[in-house]
Amino acid sequence: MRIINERNRDRPLFLYVPFNAVHGPLQVPENYSEPYSHLRRQRQDYVGMLAAMDEAVGQIVAAVEAQEELENTLFLFSSDNGGVNAGVV
């Protein structure tokens, strides 16, 4: 958010944010996995990691929107983590 908020608005911005989610090892702060306590532990951690990443993406989008640059911004999402781990899903 600091980079977005403090950038020179006269120049284009390229921001690369490589998330370490969602893949093993499945580790997530308790506050993200607790809402999913009805799921088995491995699934609970997986969904908690997804929730944490979703929150971070939302913060980036909100910062861009606050700079009134949302209509002039392209967001690209990509994954290089391979296929779904059948033991997790």
C-alpha atoms as a PDB file:
ATOM      1  CA  MET A   1       0.000   0.000   0.000  1.00  0.00           C
ATOM      2  CA  ARG A   2       2.907   2.338   0.758  1.00  0.00           C
ATOM      3  CA  ILE A   3       4.267   1.977  -2.782  1.00  0.00           C
ATOM      4  CA  ILE A   4       0.862   2.706  -4.282  1.00  0.00           C
ATOM      5  CA  ASN A   5       0.197   5.667  -1.990  1.00  0.00           C
ATOM      6  CA  GLU A   6       3.647   7.290  -2.234  1.00  0.00           C
ATOM      7  CA  ARG A   7       4.391   6.782  -5.928  1.00  0.00           C
ATOM      8  CA  ASN A   8       4.975   9.536  -8.464  1.00  0.00           C
ATOM      9  CA  ARG A   9       1.552   9.727 -10.103  1.00  0.00           C
ATOM     10  CA  ASP A  10       3.087  11.286 -13.236  1.00  0.00           C
ATOM     11  CA  ARG A  11       4.728   7.940 -14.058  1.00  0.00           C
ATOM     12  CA  PRO A  12       3.221   4.515 -14.761  1.00  0.00           C
ATOM     13  CA  LEU A  13       3.463   1.925 -11.999  1.00  0.00           C
ATOM     14  CA  PHE A  14       4.267  -1.753 -12.412  1.00  0.00           C
ATOM     15  CA  LEU A  15       3.730  -3.646  -9.173  1.00  0.00           C
ATOM     16  CA  TYR A  16       4.626  -7.332  -8.912  1.00  0.00           C
ATOM     17  CA  VAL A  17       3.245  -9.059  -5.811  1.00  0.00           C
ATOM     18  CA  PRO A  18       4.226 -12.749  -5.567  1.00  0.00           C
ATOM     19  CA  PHE A  19       1.972 -14.364  -2.976  1.00  0.00           C
ATOM     20  CA  ASN A  20       3.192 -17.488  -1.239  1.00  0.00           C
ATOM     21  CA  ALA A  21      -0.330 -18.880  -1.272  1.00  0.00           C
ATOM     22  CA  VAL A  22      -2.224 -21.013  -1.768  1.00  0.00           C
ATOM     23  CA  HIS A  23      -0.004 -24.094  -1.626  1.00  0.00           C
ATOM     24  CA  GLY A  24       1.940 -26.227   0.804  1.00  0.00           C
ATOM     25  CA  PRO A  25       3.149 -26.015   3.373  1.00  0.00           C
ATOM     26  CA  LEU A  26      -0.308 -25.136   4.644  1.00  0.00           C
ATOM     27  CA  GLN A  27       0.392 -22.539   7.327  1.00  0.00           C
ATOM     28  CA  VAL A  28      -1.904 -19.687   8.230  1.00  0.00           C
ATOM     29  CA  PRO A  29      -2.471 -17.439  11.260  1.00  0.00           C
ATOM     30  CA  GLU A  30      -5.252 -18.758  13.479  1.00  0.00           C
ATOM     31  CA  ASN A  31      -7.518 -15.753  12.854  1.00  0.00           C
ATOM     32  CA  TYR A  32      -7.822 -16.764   9.183  1.00  0.00           C
ATOM     33  CA  SER A  33      -8.457 -20.488   9.722  1.00  0.00           C
ATOM     34  CA  GLU A  34     -10.735 -20.212  12.792  1.00  0.00           C
ATOM     35  CA  PRO A  35     -13.861 -19.150  10.837  1.00  0.00           C
ATOM     36  CA  TYR A  36     -13.603 -22.476   9.008  1.00  0.00           C
ATOM     37  CA  SER A  37     -13.253 -24.664  12.127  1.00  0.00           C
ATOM     38  CA  HIS A  38     -16.121 -26.871  10.906  1.00  0.00           C
ATOM     39  CA  LEU A  39     -13.804 -28.199   8.146  1.00  0.00           C
ATOM     40  CA  ARG A  40     -11.135 -30.840   8.584  1.00  0.00           C
ATOM     41  CA  ARG A  41      -7.792 -29.295   9.620  1.00  0.00           C
ATOM     42  CA  GLN A  42      -5.966 -29.475   6.276  1.00  0.00           C
ATOM     43  CA  ARG A  43      -8.924 -27.963   4.419  1.00  0.00           C
ATOM     44  CA  GLN A  44      -9.357 -25.354   7.156  1.00  0.00           C
ATOM     45  CA  ASP A  45      -5.748 -24.206   6.696  1.00  0.00           C
ATOM     46  CA  TYR A  46      -6.092 -24.174   2.896  1.00  0.00           C
ATOM     47  CA  VAL A  47      -9.251 -22.037   2.993  1.00  0.00           C
ATOM     48  CA  GLY A  48      -7.685 -19.781   5.641  1.00  0.00           C
ATOM     49  CA  MET A  49      -4.691 -19.170   3.354  1.00  0.00           C
ATOM     50  CA  LEU A  50      -7.079 -18.299   0.541  1.00  0.00           C
ATOM     51  CA  ALA A  51      -8.943 -15.858   2.818  1.00  0.00           C
ATOM     52  CA  ALA A  52      -5.661 -14.156   3.815  1.00  0.00           C
ATOM     53  CA  MET A  53      -4.630 -13.768   0.171  1.00  0.00           C
ATOM     54  CA  ASP A  54      -8.099 -12.473  -0.732  1.00  0.00           C
ATOM     55  CA  GLU A  55      -7.817  -9.835   2.001  1.00  0.00           C
ATOM     56  CA  ALA A  56      -4.397  -8.715   0.722  1.00  0.00           C
ATOM     57  CA  VAL A  57      -5.654  -8.435  -2.867  1.00  0.00           C
ATOM     58  CA  GLY A  58      -8.603  -6.414  -1.575  1.00  0.00           C
ATOM     59  CA  GLN A  59      -6.221  -4.022   0.191  1.00  0.00           C
ATOM     60  CA  ILE A  60      -4.265  -3.497  -3.044  1.00  0.00           C
ATOM     61  CA  VAL A  61      -7.443  -2.839  -5.032  1.00  0.00           C
ATOM     62  CA  ALA A  62      -8.692  -0.428  -2.344  1.00  0.00           C
ATOM     63  CA  ALA A  63      -5.401   1.495  -2.402  1.00  0.00           C
ATOM     64  CA  VAL A  64      -5.581   1.833  -6.201  1.00  0.00           C
ATOM     65  CA  GLU A  65      -9.206   2.924  -5.943  1.00  0.00           C
ATOM     66  CA  ALA A  66      -8.328   5.522  -3.277  1.00  0.00           C
ATOM     67  CA  GLN A  67      -5.801   7.001  -5.725  1.00  0.00           C
ATOM     68  CA  GLU A  68      -8.646   7.233  -8.274  1.00  0.00           C
ATOM     69  CA  GLU A  69      -6.692   5.007 -10.657  1.00  0.00           C
ATOM     70  CA  LEU A  70      -9.005   1.986 -10.740  1.00  0.00           C
ATOM     71  CA  GLU A  71     -10.308   2.675 -14.258  1.00  0.00           C
ATOM     72  CA  ASN A  72      -6.728   3.119 -15.488  1.00  0.00           C
ATOM     73  CA  THR A  73      -5.368  -0.074 -13.928  1.00  0.00           C
ATOM     74  CA  LEU A  74      -4.931  -3.602 -15.225  1.00  0.00           C
ATOM     75  CA  PHE A  75      -4.742  -6.428 -12.679  1.00  0.00           C
ATOM     76  CA  LEU A  76      -3.290  -9.752 -13.832  1.00  0.00           C
ATOM     77  CA  PHE A  77      -3.472 -12.914 -11.752  1.00  0.00           C
ATOM     78  CA  SER A  78      -1.343 -15.937 -12.486  1.00  0.00           C
ATOM     79  CA  SER A  79      -0.310 -19.113 -10.707  1.00  0.00           C
ATOM     80  CA  ASP A  80       2.827 -21.157 -11.183  1.00  0.00           C
ATOM     81  CA  ASN A  81       2.049 -23.714  -8.502  1.00  0.00           C
ATOM     82  CA  GLY A  82       0.831 -26.472 -10.792  1.00  0.00           C
ATOM     83  CA  GLY A  83      -2.394 -28.403 -10.484  1.00  0.00           C
ATOM     84  CA  VAL A  84      -4.714 -28.950  -7.560  1.00  0.00           C
ATOM     85  CA  ASN A  85      -3.463 -31.114  -4.712  1.00  0.00           C
ATOM     86  CA  ALA A  86      -6.194 -33.776  -4.517  1.00  0.00           C
ATOM     87  CA  GLY A  87      -5.407 -34.410  -0.834  1.00  0.00           C
ATOM     88  CA  VAL A  88      -6.292 -30.829   0.075  1.00  0.00           C
ATOM     89  CA  VAL A  89      -9.412 -30.149  -1.943  1.00  0.00           C
END
